[in-house]
N, C-alpha and C. Protein backbone atom coordinates (compact mmCIF):
# COMPACT_ATOMS: atom_id res chain seq x y z
N UNK A 1 0.85 -1.18 0.00
CA UNK A 1 0.00 0.00 0.00
C UNK A 1 0.89 1.23 0.00
N UNK A 2 0.47 2.24 -0.75
CA UNK A 2 1.26 3.47 -0.71
C UNK A 2 0.85 4.30 0.50
N UNK A 3 1.61 5.31 0.77
CA UNK A 3 1.41 6.08 1.99
C UNK A 3 0.08 6.85 1.99
N UNK A 4 -0.38 7.36 0.83
CA UNK A 4 -1.65 8.09 0.82
C UNK A 4 -2.82 7.14 1.07
N UNK A 5 -2.73 5.94 0.52
CA UNK A 5 -3.79 4.95 0.76
C UNK A 5 -3.79 4.53 2.22
N UNK A 6 -2.59 4.40 2.80
CA UNK A 6 -2.50 4.04 4.23
C UNK A 6 -3.14 5.09 5.09
N UNK A 7 -2.88 6.36 4.79
CA UNK A 7 -3.43 7.45 5.58
C UNK A 7 -4.95 7.47 5.50
N UNK A 8 -5.50 7.25 4.27
CA UNK A 8 -6.96 7.20 4.15
C UNK A 8 -7.54 6.03 4.93
N UNK A 9 -6.87 4.89 4.86
CA UNK A 9 -7.33 3.70 5.56
C UNK A 9 -7.33 3.93 7.08
N UNK A 10 -6.26 4.52 7.59
CA UNK A 10 -6.17 4.81 9.02
C UNK A 10 -7.19 5.86 9.43
N UNK A 11 -7.46 6.81 8.53
CA UNK A 11 -8.44 7.85 8.83
C UNK A 11 -9.84 7.25 8.95
N UNK A 12 -10.13 6.26 8.11
CA UNK A 12 -11.44 5.63 8.14
C UNK A 12 -11.64 4.74 9.36
N UNK A 13 -10.54 4.25 9.92
CA UNK A 13 -10.66 3.41 11.12
C UNK A 13 -10.96 4.28 12.32
N UNK A 14 -11.91 3.88 13.05
CA UNK A 14 -12.26 4.61 14.28
C UNK A 14 -11.87 3.73 15.45
N UNK A 15 -11.37 4.34 16.50
CA UNK A 15 -11.03 3.52 17.67
C UNK A 15 -12.30 2.91 18.25
N UNK A 16 -12.18 1.70 18.74
CA UNK A 16 -13.38 1.08 19.31
C UNK A 16 -13.89 1.89 20.49
N UNK A 17 -15.19 2.00 20.56
CA UNK A 17 -15.75 2.76 21.67
C UNK A 17 -15.74 1.88 22.92
N UNK A 18 -15.54 2.52 24.02
CA UNK A 18 -15.52 1.80 25.29
C UNK A 18 -16.93 1.37 25.64
N UNK A 19 -17.07 0.19 26.24
CA UNK A 19 -18.41 -0.24 26.63
C UNK A 19 -18.96 0.68 27.72
N UNK A 20 -20.26 0.81 27.77
CA UNK A 20 -20.83 1.67 28.80
C UNK A 20 -20.48 1.12 30.18
N UNK A 21 -20.30 2.00 31.15
CA UNK A 21 -19.95 1.52 32.48
C UNK A 21 -21.07 0.68 33.08
N UNK A 22 -20.67 -0.35 33.77
CA UNK A 22 -21.65 -1.20 34.43
C UNK A 22 -22.09 -0.56 35.73
N UNK A 23 -23.34 -0.55 35.95
CA UNK A 23 -23.88 -0.02 37.20
C UNK A 23 -24.42 -1.19 38.01
N UNK A 24 -23.51 -1.82 38.70
CA UNK A 24 -23.90 -2.96 39.52
C UNK A 24 -24.37 -2.41 40.86
N UNK A 25 -25.60 -2.69 41.14
CA UNK A 25 -26.14 -2.22 42.40
C UNK A 25 -25.97 -3.31 43.44
N UNK A 26 -25.05 -3.08 44.34
CA UNK A 26 -24.88 -4.05 45.41
C UNK A 26 -25.82 -3.68 46.55
N UNK A 27 -26.18 -4.68 47.27
CA UNK A 27 -27.08 -4.43 48.39
C UNK A 27 -26.30 -3.70 49.47
N UNK A 28 -26.95 -2.79 50.16
CA UNK A 28 -26.24 -2.07 51.23
C UNK A 28 -25.86 -3.03 52.35
N UNK A 29 -24.72 -2.76 52.95
CA UNK A 29 -24.27 -3.59 54.05
C UNK A 29 -25.18 -3.38 55.25
N UNK A 30 -25.38 -4.47 55.98
CA UNK A 30 -26.24 -4.41 57.16
C UNK A 30 -25.37 -4.33 58.42
N UNK A 31 -25.89 -3.73 59.47
CA UNK A 31 -25.10 -3.64 60.71
C UNK A 31 -25.01 -5.00 61.41
N UNK A 32 -24.01 -5.13 62.24
CA UNK A 32 -23.86 -6.32 63.07
C UNK A 32 -25.02 -6.35 64.05
N UNK A 33 -25.42 -7.54 64.48
CA UNK A 33 -26.56 -7.66 65.39
C UNK A 33 -26.23 -7.12 66.78
N UNK A 34 -24.95 -7.13 67.15
CA UNK A 34 -24.51 -6.57 68.44
C UNK A 34 -23.24 -5.77 68.20
N UNK A 35 -22.94 -4.92 69.14
CA UNK A 35 -21.74 -4.10 69.03
C UNK A 35 -20.49 -4.87 69.41
N UNK A 36 -19.35 -4.31 69.06
CA UNK A 36 -18.08 -4.94 69.34
C UNK A 36 -17.85 -5.12 70.84
N UNK A 37 -18.27 -4.18 71.62
CA UNK A 37 -18.02 -4.23 73.07
C UNK A 37 -19.21 -4.74 73.88
N UNK A 38 -20.13 -5.45 73.24
CA UNK A 38 -21.31 -6.00 73.93
C UNK A 38 -21.05 -7.42 74.41
N UNK A 39 -19.84 -7.68 74.85
CA UNK A 39 -19.44 -9.05 75.24
C UNK A 39 -20.30 -9.62 76.35
N UNK A 40 -20.78 -8.78 77.23
CA UNK A 40 -21.56 -9.26 78.39
C UNK A 40 -22.97 -9.69 78.02
N UNK A 41 -23.37 -9.53 76.77
CA UNK A 41 -24.67 -10.03 76.35
C UNK A 41 -24.70 -11.56 76.38
N UNK A 42 -23.53 -12.17 76.27
CA UNK A 42 -23.41 -13.62 76.37
C UNK A 42 -22.23 -13.89 77.30
N UNK A 43 -22.49 -13.85 78.60
CA UNK A 43 -21.44 -13.94 79.61
C UNK A 43 -20.69 -15.28 79.51
N UNK A 44 -21.41 -16.34 79.24
CA UNK A 44 -20.77 -17.65 79.11
C UNK A 44 -19.73 -17.67 78.00
N UNK A 45 -20.10 -17.16 76.84
CA UNK A 45 -19.15 -17.12 75.74
C UNK A 45 -18.03 -16.13 76.00
N UNK A 46 -18.34 -15.04 76.68
CA UNK A 46 -17.31 -14.05 77.01
C UNK A 46 -16.22 -14.70 77.87
N UNK A 47 -16.64 -15.45 78.88
CA UNK A 47 -15.67 -16.13 79.75
C UNK A 47 -14.89 -17.19 78.98
N UNK A 48 -15.58 -17.99 78.18
CA UNK A 48 -14.92 -19.02 77.39
C UNK A 48 -13.89 -18.40 76.45
N UNK A 49 -14.26 -17.31 75.79
CA UNK A 49 -13.36 -16.66 74.85
C UNK A 49 -12.16 -16.04 75.56
N UNK A 50 -12.38 -15.51 76.74
CA UNK A 50 -11.28 -14.91 77.49
C UNK A 50 -10.27 -15.98 77.91
N UNK A 51 -10.75 -17.11 78.40
CA UNK A 51 -9.86 -18.15 78.92
C UNK A 51 -9.38 -19.12 77.86
N UNK A 52 -10.18 -19.36 76.83
CA UNK A 52 -9.80 -20.33 75.80
C UNK A 52 -10.35 -19.90 74.44
N UNK A 53 -9.76 -18.85 73.85
CA UNK A 53 -10.28 -18.33 72.59
C UNK A 53 -10.22 -19.32 71.45
N UNK A 54 -9.36 -20.33 71.55
CA UNK A 54 -9.25 -21.31 70.47
C UNK A 54 -10.56 -22.08 70.29
N UNK A 55 -11.31 -22.30 71.36
CA UNK A 55 -12.60 -23.00 71.23
C UNK A 55 -13.61 -22.11 70.51
N UNK A 56 -13.69 -20.85 70.92
CA UNK A 56 -14.61 -19.93 70.26
C UNK A 56 -14.25 -19.79 68.79
N UNK A 57 -12.96 -19.61 68.51
CA UNK A 57 -12.54 -19.47 67.12
C UNK A 57 -12.87 -20.74 66.33
N UNK A 58 -12.60 -21.88 66.90
CA UNK A 58 -12.89 -23.14 66.20
C UNK A 58 -14.35 -23.28 65.85
N UNK A 59 -15.22 -22.89 66.76
CA UNK A 59 -16.66 -22.96 66.49
C UNK A 59 -17.06 -22.00 65.38
N UNK A 60 -16.49 -20.79 65.40
CA UNK A 60 -16.78 -19.81 64.35
C UNK A 60 -16.30 -20.34 63.00
N UNK A 61 -15.06 -20.84 62.97
CA UNK A 61 -14.48 -21.34 61.71
C UNK A 61 -15.29 -22.50 61.14
N UNK A 62 -15.77 -23.39 62.00
CA UNK A 62 -16.57 -24.52 61.55
C UNK A 62 -17.82 -24.04 60.82
N UNK A 63 -18.48 -23.05 61.36
CA UNK A 63 -19.71 -22.52 60.74
C UNK A 63 -19.38 -21.72 59.49
N UNK A 64 -18.40 -20.82 59.59
CA UNK A 64 -18.07 -19.96 58.45
C UNK A 64 -17.56 -20.77 57.27
N UNK A 65 -16.78 -21.81 57.54
CA UNK A 65 -16.27 -22.67 56.47
C UNK A 65 -17.26 -23.75 56.06
N UNK A 66 -18.44 -23.72 56.63
CA UNK A 66 -19.51 -24.65 56.30
C UNK A 66 -19.09 -26.11 56.44
N UNK A 67 -18.37 -26.36 57.55
CA UNK A 67 -18.00 -27.72 57.89
C UNK A 67 -16.75 -28.23 57.21
N UNK A 68 -16.13 -27.45 56.34
CA UNK A 68 -14.93 -27.95 55.65
C UNK A 68 -13.71 -27.96 56.56
N UNK A 69 -13.71 -27.15 57.60
CA UNK A 69 -12.65 -27.24 58.61
C UNK A 69 -13.35 -27.46 59.95
N UNK A 70 -12.90 -28.47 60.66
CA UNK A 70 -13.57 -28.80 61.92
C UNK A 70 -13.20 -27.81 63.01
N UNK A 71 -14.01 -27.78 64.02
CA UNK A 71 -13.77 -26.93 65.18
C UNK A 71 -12.41 -27.24 65.79
N UNK A 72 -12.10 -28.51 65.93
CA UNK A 72 -10.84 -28.92 66.55
C UNK A 72 -9.62 -28.52 65.74
N UNK A 73 -9.66 -28.74 64.43
CA UNK A 73 -8.49 -28.41 63.61
C UNK A 73 -8.29 -26.89 63.52
N UNK A 74 -9.37 -26.13 63.38
CA UNK A 74 -9.25 -24.67 63.31
C UNK A 74 -8.77 -24.12 64.65
N UNK A 75 -9.29 -24.66 65.74
CA UNK A 75 -8.85 -24.23 67.06
C UNK A 75 -7.39 -24.55 67.31
N UNK A 76 -6.94 -25.71 66.82
CA UNK A 76 -5.54 -26.10 66.98
C UNK A 76 -4.62 -25.17 66.18
N UNK A 77 -5.02 -24.81 64.96
CA UNK A 77 -4.22 -23.87 64.17
C UNK A 77 -4.15 -22.53 64.86
N UNK A 78 -5.28 -22.09 65.40
CA UNK A 78 -5.34 -20.82 66.12
C UNK A 78 -4.37 -20.85 67.30
N UNK A 79 -4.41 -21.92 68.09
CA UNK A 79 -3.56 -22.03 69.26
C UNK A 79 -2.08 -22.12 68.86
N UNK A 80 -1.79 -22.83 67.78
CA UNK A 80 -0.41 -22.95 67.30
C UNK A 80 0.15 -21.58 66.91
N UNK A 81 -0.66 -20.79 66.21
CA UNK A 81 -0.22 -19.45 65.83
C UNK A 81 -0.03 -18.56 67.06
N UNK A 82 -0.89 -18.73 68.03
CA UNK A 82 -0.79 -17.96 69.26
C UNK A 82 0.51 -18.29 69.98
N UNK A 83 0.81 -19.56 70.07
CA UNK A 83 2.02 -19.97 70.77
C UNK A 83 3.29 -19.60 69.99
N UNK A 84 3.24 -19.67 68.67
CA UNK A 84 4.42 -19.38 67.86
C UNK A 84 4.70 -17.89 67.71
N UNK A 85 3.64 -17.09 67.53
CA UNK A 85 3.83 -15.67 67.22
C UNK A 85 3.25 -14.72 68.26
N UNK A 86 2.56 -15.25 69.25
CA UNK A 86 1.98 -14.39 70.27
C UNK A 86 0.63 -13.80 69.90
N UNK A 87 0.25 -13.93 68.64
CA UNK A 87 -1.06 -13.46 68.22
C UNK A 87 -1.51 -14.22 66.97
N UNK A 88 -2.71 -14.70 66.96
CA UNK A 88 -3.26 -15.35 65.76
C UNK A 88 -4.15 -14.41 64.96
N UNK A 89 -4.04 -13.11 65.20
CA UNK A 89 -5.01 -12.16 64.63
C UNK A 89 -5.01 -12.12 63.11
N UNK A 90 -3.88 -12.35 62.45
CA UNK A 90 -3.87 -12.34 60.99
C UNK A 90 -4.74 -13.47 60.46
N UNK A 91 -4.68 -14.61 61.12
CA UNK A 91 -5.50 -15.76 60.74
C UNK A 91 -6.97 -15.53 61.07
N UNK A 92 -7.24 -15.05 62.27
CA UNK A 92 -8.63 -14.89 62.70
C UNK A 92 -9.34 -13.75 61.97
N UNK A 93 -8.61 -12.72 61.58
CA UNK A 93 -9.28 -11.60 60.87
C UNK A 93 -9.78 -12.05 59.51
N UNK A 94 -9.14 -13.06 58.91
CA UNK A 94 -9.62 -13.54 57.61
C UNK A 94 -11.00 -14.19 57.77
N UNK A 95 -11.27 -14.78 58.92
CA UNK A 95 -12.59 -15.38 59.15
C UNK A 95 -13.64 -14.30 59.39
N UNK A 96 -13.25 -13.20 59.98
CA UNK A 96 -14.19 -12.08 60.13
C UNK A 96 -14.59 -11.57 58.75
N UNK A 97 -13.60 -11.49 57.85
CA UNK A 97 -13.87 -11.04 56.49
C UNK A 97 -14.82 -12.01 55.78
N UNK A 98 -14.60 -13.31 55.94
CA UNK A 98 -15.49 -14.31 55.33
C UNK A 98 -16.91 -14.19 55.90
N UNK A 99 -17.01 -14.02 57.21
CA UNK A 99 -18.31 -13.90 57.87
C UNK A 99 -19.05 -12.66 57.35
N UNK A 100 -18.34 -11.54 57.26
CA UNK A 100 -18.96 -10.32 56.75
C UNK A 100 -19.47 -10.52 55.32
N UNK A 101 -18.67 -11.18 54.50
CA UNK A 101 -19.07 -11.40 53.10
C UNK A 101 -20.30 -12.30 53.01
N UNK A 102 -20.37 -13.33 53.85
CA UNK A 102 -21.50 -14.26 53.80
C UNK A 102 -22.80 -13.59 54.17
N UNK A 103 -22.75 -12.65 55.11
CA UNK A 103 -23.99 -12.03 55.60
C UNK A 103 -24.09 -10.55 55.25
N UNK A 104 -23.18 -10.06 54.39
CA UNK A 104 -23.20 -8.67 53.94
C UNK A 104 -23.16 -7.68 55.11
N UNK A 105 -22.28 -7.95 56.05
CA UNK A 105 -22.17 -7.11 57.25
C UNK A 105 -21.25 -5.92 57.00
N UNK A 106 -21.48 -4.86 57.75
CA UNK A 106 -20.70 -3.64 57.60
C UNK A 106 -19.23 -3.87 57.96
N UNK A 107 -18.37 -3.16 57.27
CA UNK A 107 -16.95 -3.22 57.54
C UNK A 107 -16.16 -3.45 56.28
N UNK A 108 -14.84 -3.58 56.44
CA UNK A 108 -13.95 -3.88 55.32
C UNK A 108 -12.75 -4.64 55.86
N UNK A 109 -11.87 -5.07 54.97
CA UNK A 109 -10.74 -5.89 55.39
C UNK A 109 -9.81 -5.14 56.33
N UNK A 110 -9.65 -3.86 56.12
CA UNK A 110 -8.77 -3.06 56.99
C UNK A 110 -9.31 -3.04 58.41
N UNK A 111 -10.61 -2.75 58.56
CA UNK A 111 -11.17 -2.72 59.91
C UNK A 111 -11.17 -4.12 60.54
N UNK A 112 -11.37 -5.15 59.73
CA UNK A 112 -11.31 -6.52 60.25
C UNK A 112 -9.95 -6.78 60.88
N UNK A 113 -8.91 -6.40 60.17
CA UNK A 113 -7.54 -6.62 60.66
C UNK A 113 -7.27 -5.79 61.93
N UNK A 114 -7.66 -4.54 61.91
CA UNK A 114 -7.43 -3.68 63.08
C UNK A 114 -8.19 -4.18 64.30
N UNK A 115 -9.43 -4.56 64.10
CA UNK A 115 -10.24 -5.05 65.22
C UNK A 115 -9.61 -6.30 65.83
N UNK A 116 -9.16 -7.22 64.99
CA UNK A 116 -8.55 -8.44 65.51
C UNK A 116 -7.18 -8.18 66.13
N UNK A 117 -6.44 -7.22 65.61
CA UNK A 117 -5.12 -6.91 66.19
C UNK A 117 -5.24 -6.26 67.56
N UNK A 118 -6.23 -5.42 67.75
CA UNK A 118 -6.32 -4.67 68.99
C UNK A 118 -7.42 -5.14 69.94
N UNK A 119 -8.41 -5.87 69.44
CA UNK A 119 -9.53 -6.32 70.27
C UNK A 119 -9.90 -7.76 69.93
N UNK A 120 -8.93 -8.66 69.93
CA UNK A 120 -9.16 -10.04 69.50
C UNK A 120 -10.32 -10.69 70.24
N UNK A 121 -10.33 -10.59 71.55
CA UNK A 121 -11.38 -11.25 72.33
C UNK A 121 -12.76 -10.67 72.01
N UNK A 122 -12.84 -9.36 71.94
CA UNK A 122 -14.13 -8.72 71.62
C UNK A 122 -14.59 -9.11 70.21
N UNK A 123 -13.66 -9.18 69.28
CA UNK A 123 -14.00 -9.55 67.90
C UNK A 123 -14.56 -10.96 67.85
N UNK A 124 -13.90 -11.91 68.51
CA UNK A 124 -14.38 -13.29 68.51
C UNK A 124 -15.76 -13.38 69.17
N UNK A 125 -15.94 -12.66 70.27
CA UNK A 125 -17.26 -12.68 70.93
C UNK A 125 -18.34 -12.12 70.02
N UNK A 126 -18.05 -11.04 69.31
CA UNK A 126 -19.04 -10.44 68.42
C UNK A 126 -19.39 -11.39 67.28
N UNK A 127 -18.40 -12.04 66.70
CA UNK A 127 -18.65 -12.97 65.61
C UNK A 127 -19.48 -14.17 66.09
N UNK A 128 -19.17 -14.65 67.27
CA UNK A 128 -19.91 -15.76 67.87
C UNK A 128 -21.37 -15.37 68.08
N UNK A 129 -21.59 -14.17 68.66
CA UNK A 129 -22.95 -13.69 68.89
C UNK A 129 -23.70 -13.49 67.57
N UNK A 130 -23.00 -13.03 66.54
CA UNK A 130 -23.63 -12.81 65.23
C UNK A 130 -24.16 -14.13 64.67
N UNK A 131 -23.35 -15.16 64.74
CA UNK A 131 -23.79 -16.46 64.23
C UNK A 131 -24.93 -17.02 65.07
N UNK A 132 -24.87 -16.84 66.39
CA UNK A 132 -25.98 -17.28 67.26
C UNK A 132 -27.27 -16.53 66.90
N UNK A 133 -27.15 -15.23 66.65
CA UNK A 133 -28.35 -14.44 66.34
C UNK A 133 -28.96 -14.84 65.01
N UNK A 134 -28.18 -15.49 64.16
CA UNK A 134 -28.67 -15.95 62.87
C UNK A 134 -29.17 -17.39 62.93
N UNK A 135 -29.29 -17.92 64.16
CA UNK A 135 -29.93 -19.21 64.35
C UNK A 135 -29.01 -20.41 64.49
N UNK A 136 -27.71 -20.19 64.51
CA UNK A 136 -26.79 -21.32 64.66
C UNK A 136 -26.63 -21.70 66.12
N UNK A 137 -26.68 -22.99 66.39
CA UNK A 137 -26.33 -23.52 67.70
C UNK A 137 -24.84 -23.78 67.64
N UNK A 138 -24.06 -22.88 68.20
CA UNK A 138 -22.62 -22.89 67.99
C UNK A 138 -21.93 -24.16 68.49
N UNK A 139 -22.43 -24.73 69.57
CA UNK A 139 -21.80 -25.92 70.13
C UNK A 139 -21.98 -27.13 69.22
N UNK A 140 -22.97 -27.10 68.35
CA UNK A 140 -23.29 -28.25 67.51
C UNK A 140 -22.40 -28.37 66.27
N UNK A 141 -21.91 -27.28 65.76
CA UNK A 141 -21.12 -27.32 64.54
C UNK A 141 -22.00 -27.22 63.30
N UNK A 142 -21.35 -27.10 62.16
CA UNK A 142 -22.05 -26.89 60.90
C UNK A 142 -22.97 -28.05 60.53
N UNK A 143 -22.43 -29.26 60.52
CA UNK A 143 -23.19 -30.40 60.03
C UNK A 143 -24.44 -30.66 60.87
N UNK A 144 -24.33 -30.56 62.18
CA UNK A 144 -25.49 -30.77 63.04
C UNK A 144 -26.51 -29.65 62.86
N UNK A 145 -26.05 -28.43 62.61
CA UNK A 145 -26.97 -27.33 62.36
C UNK A 145 -27.74 -27.54 61.06
N UNK A 146 -27.06 -28.04 60.04
CA UNK A 146 -27.73 -28.32 58.76
C UNK A 146 -28.77 -29.42 58.96
N UNK A 147 -28.39 -30.46 59.66
CA UNK A 147 -29.31 -31.57 59.93
C UNK A 147 -30.51 -31.10 60.75
N UNK A 148 -30.28 -30.23 61.70
CA UNK A 148 -31.36 -29.70 62.55
C UNK A 148 -32.35 -28.89 61.72
N UNK A 149 -31.85 -28.15 60.73
CA UNK A 149 -32.72 -27.31 59.91
C UNK A 149 -33.50 -28.11 58.88
N UNK A 150 -32.91 -29.17 58.37
CA UNK A 150 -33.59 -29.99 57.37
C UNK A 150 -33.31 -31.46 57.66
N UNK A 151 -34.04 -32.05 58.60
CA UNK A 151 -33.77 -33.44 58.97
C UNK A 151 -33.88 -34.39 57.79
N UNK A 152 -32.91 -35.30 57.71
CA UNK A 152 -32.96 -36.32 56.67
C UNK A 152 -32.44 -35.89 55.32
N UNK A 153 -31.90 -34.66 55.20
CA UNK A 153 -31.43 -34.20 53.90
C UNK A 153 -29.94 -33.90 53.91
N UNK A 154 -29.18 -34.70 54.61
CA UNK A 154 -27.74 -34.46 54.62
C UNK A 154 -27.16 -34.77 53.25
N UNK A 155 -26.15 -34.05 52.89
CA UNK A 155 -25.50 -34.25 51.61
C UNK A 155 -24.38 -35.25 51.79
N UNK A 156 -24.50 -36.38 51.14
CA UNK A 156 -23.48 -37.42 51.21
C UNK A 156 -22.78 -37.52 49.87
N UNK A 157 -21.52 -37.92 49.87
CA UNK A 157 -20.86 -38.10 48.59
C UNK A 157 -21.51 -39.24 47.82
N UNK A 158 -21.43 -39.22 46.51
CA UNK A 158 -22.05 -40.29 45.72
C UNK A 158 -21.38 -41.62 46.03
N UNK A 159 -22.17 -42.68 46.05
CA UNK A 159 -21.61 -43.98 46.33
C UNK A 159 -21.04 -44.58 45.06
N UNK A 160 -19.99 -45.35 45.23
CA UNK A 160 -19.38 -46.02 44.09
C UNK A 160 -19.77 -47.48 44.16
N UNK A 161 -20.40 -47.96 43.13
CA UNK A 161 -20.80 -49.38 43.11
C UNK A 161 -19.80 -50.16 42.30
N UNK A 162 -19.57 -51.34 42.74
CA UNK A 162 -18.60 -52.18 42.01
C UNK A 162 -17.20 -51.72 42.30
N UNK A 163 -16.29 -52.23 41.59
CA UNK A 163 -14.89 -51.86 41.76
C UNK A 163 -14.39 -51.25 40.48
N UNK A 164 -13.09 -51.09 40.44
CA UNK A 164 -12.49 -50.58 39.22
C UNK A 164 -12.43 -51.70 38.19
N UNK A 165 -12.67 -51.35 36.97
CA UNK A 165 -12.59 -52.36 35.91
C UNK A 165 -12.00 -51.70 34.67
N UNK A 166 -11.55 -52.57 33.78
CA UNK A 166 -10.97 -52.03 32.54
C UNK A 166 -11.93 -52.18 31.42
């Protein structure tokens, strides 16, 4: 192509127009059912969390992870981090973030981290109370709560009949 033909060709080309901006309307965040410092609303859990936060954390993790991590294993990881680094807040704040996302609760990742770094016990108590207020029996764990809500409808892995064959 000669240069004049190239110039006409380039002149005729128009840059692609940008797609219109998406206006995704997200639902407004809802407030927590209790305040961060309302620990005395559940004195039993407040005492348990003060003396043994790994149990409270394990129960929260079991529900938030929908049974994929057990109370015992999550609590053990929490305690291991506490013993190794003096604070498990980096680990526990990620569960606050998951909980907020599941229930569209107010806050953001920065506040989750700050709350767990400076008010770990209060944060765990608030998360525990939030799940209780949403109908979870915290001592039962995820699987028992699901069974309690819909008896006889547990999800089991598919059964394999026969053996391997060629």
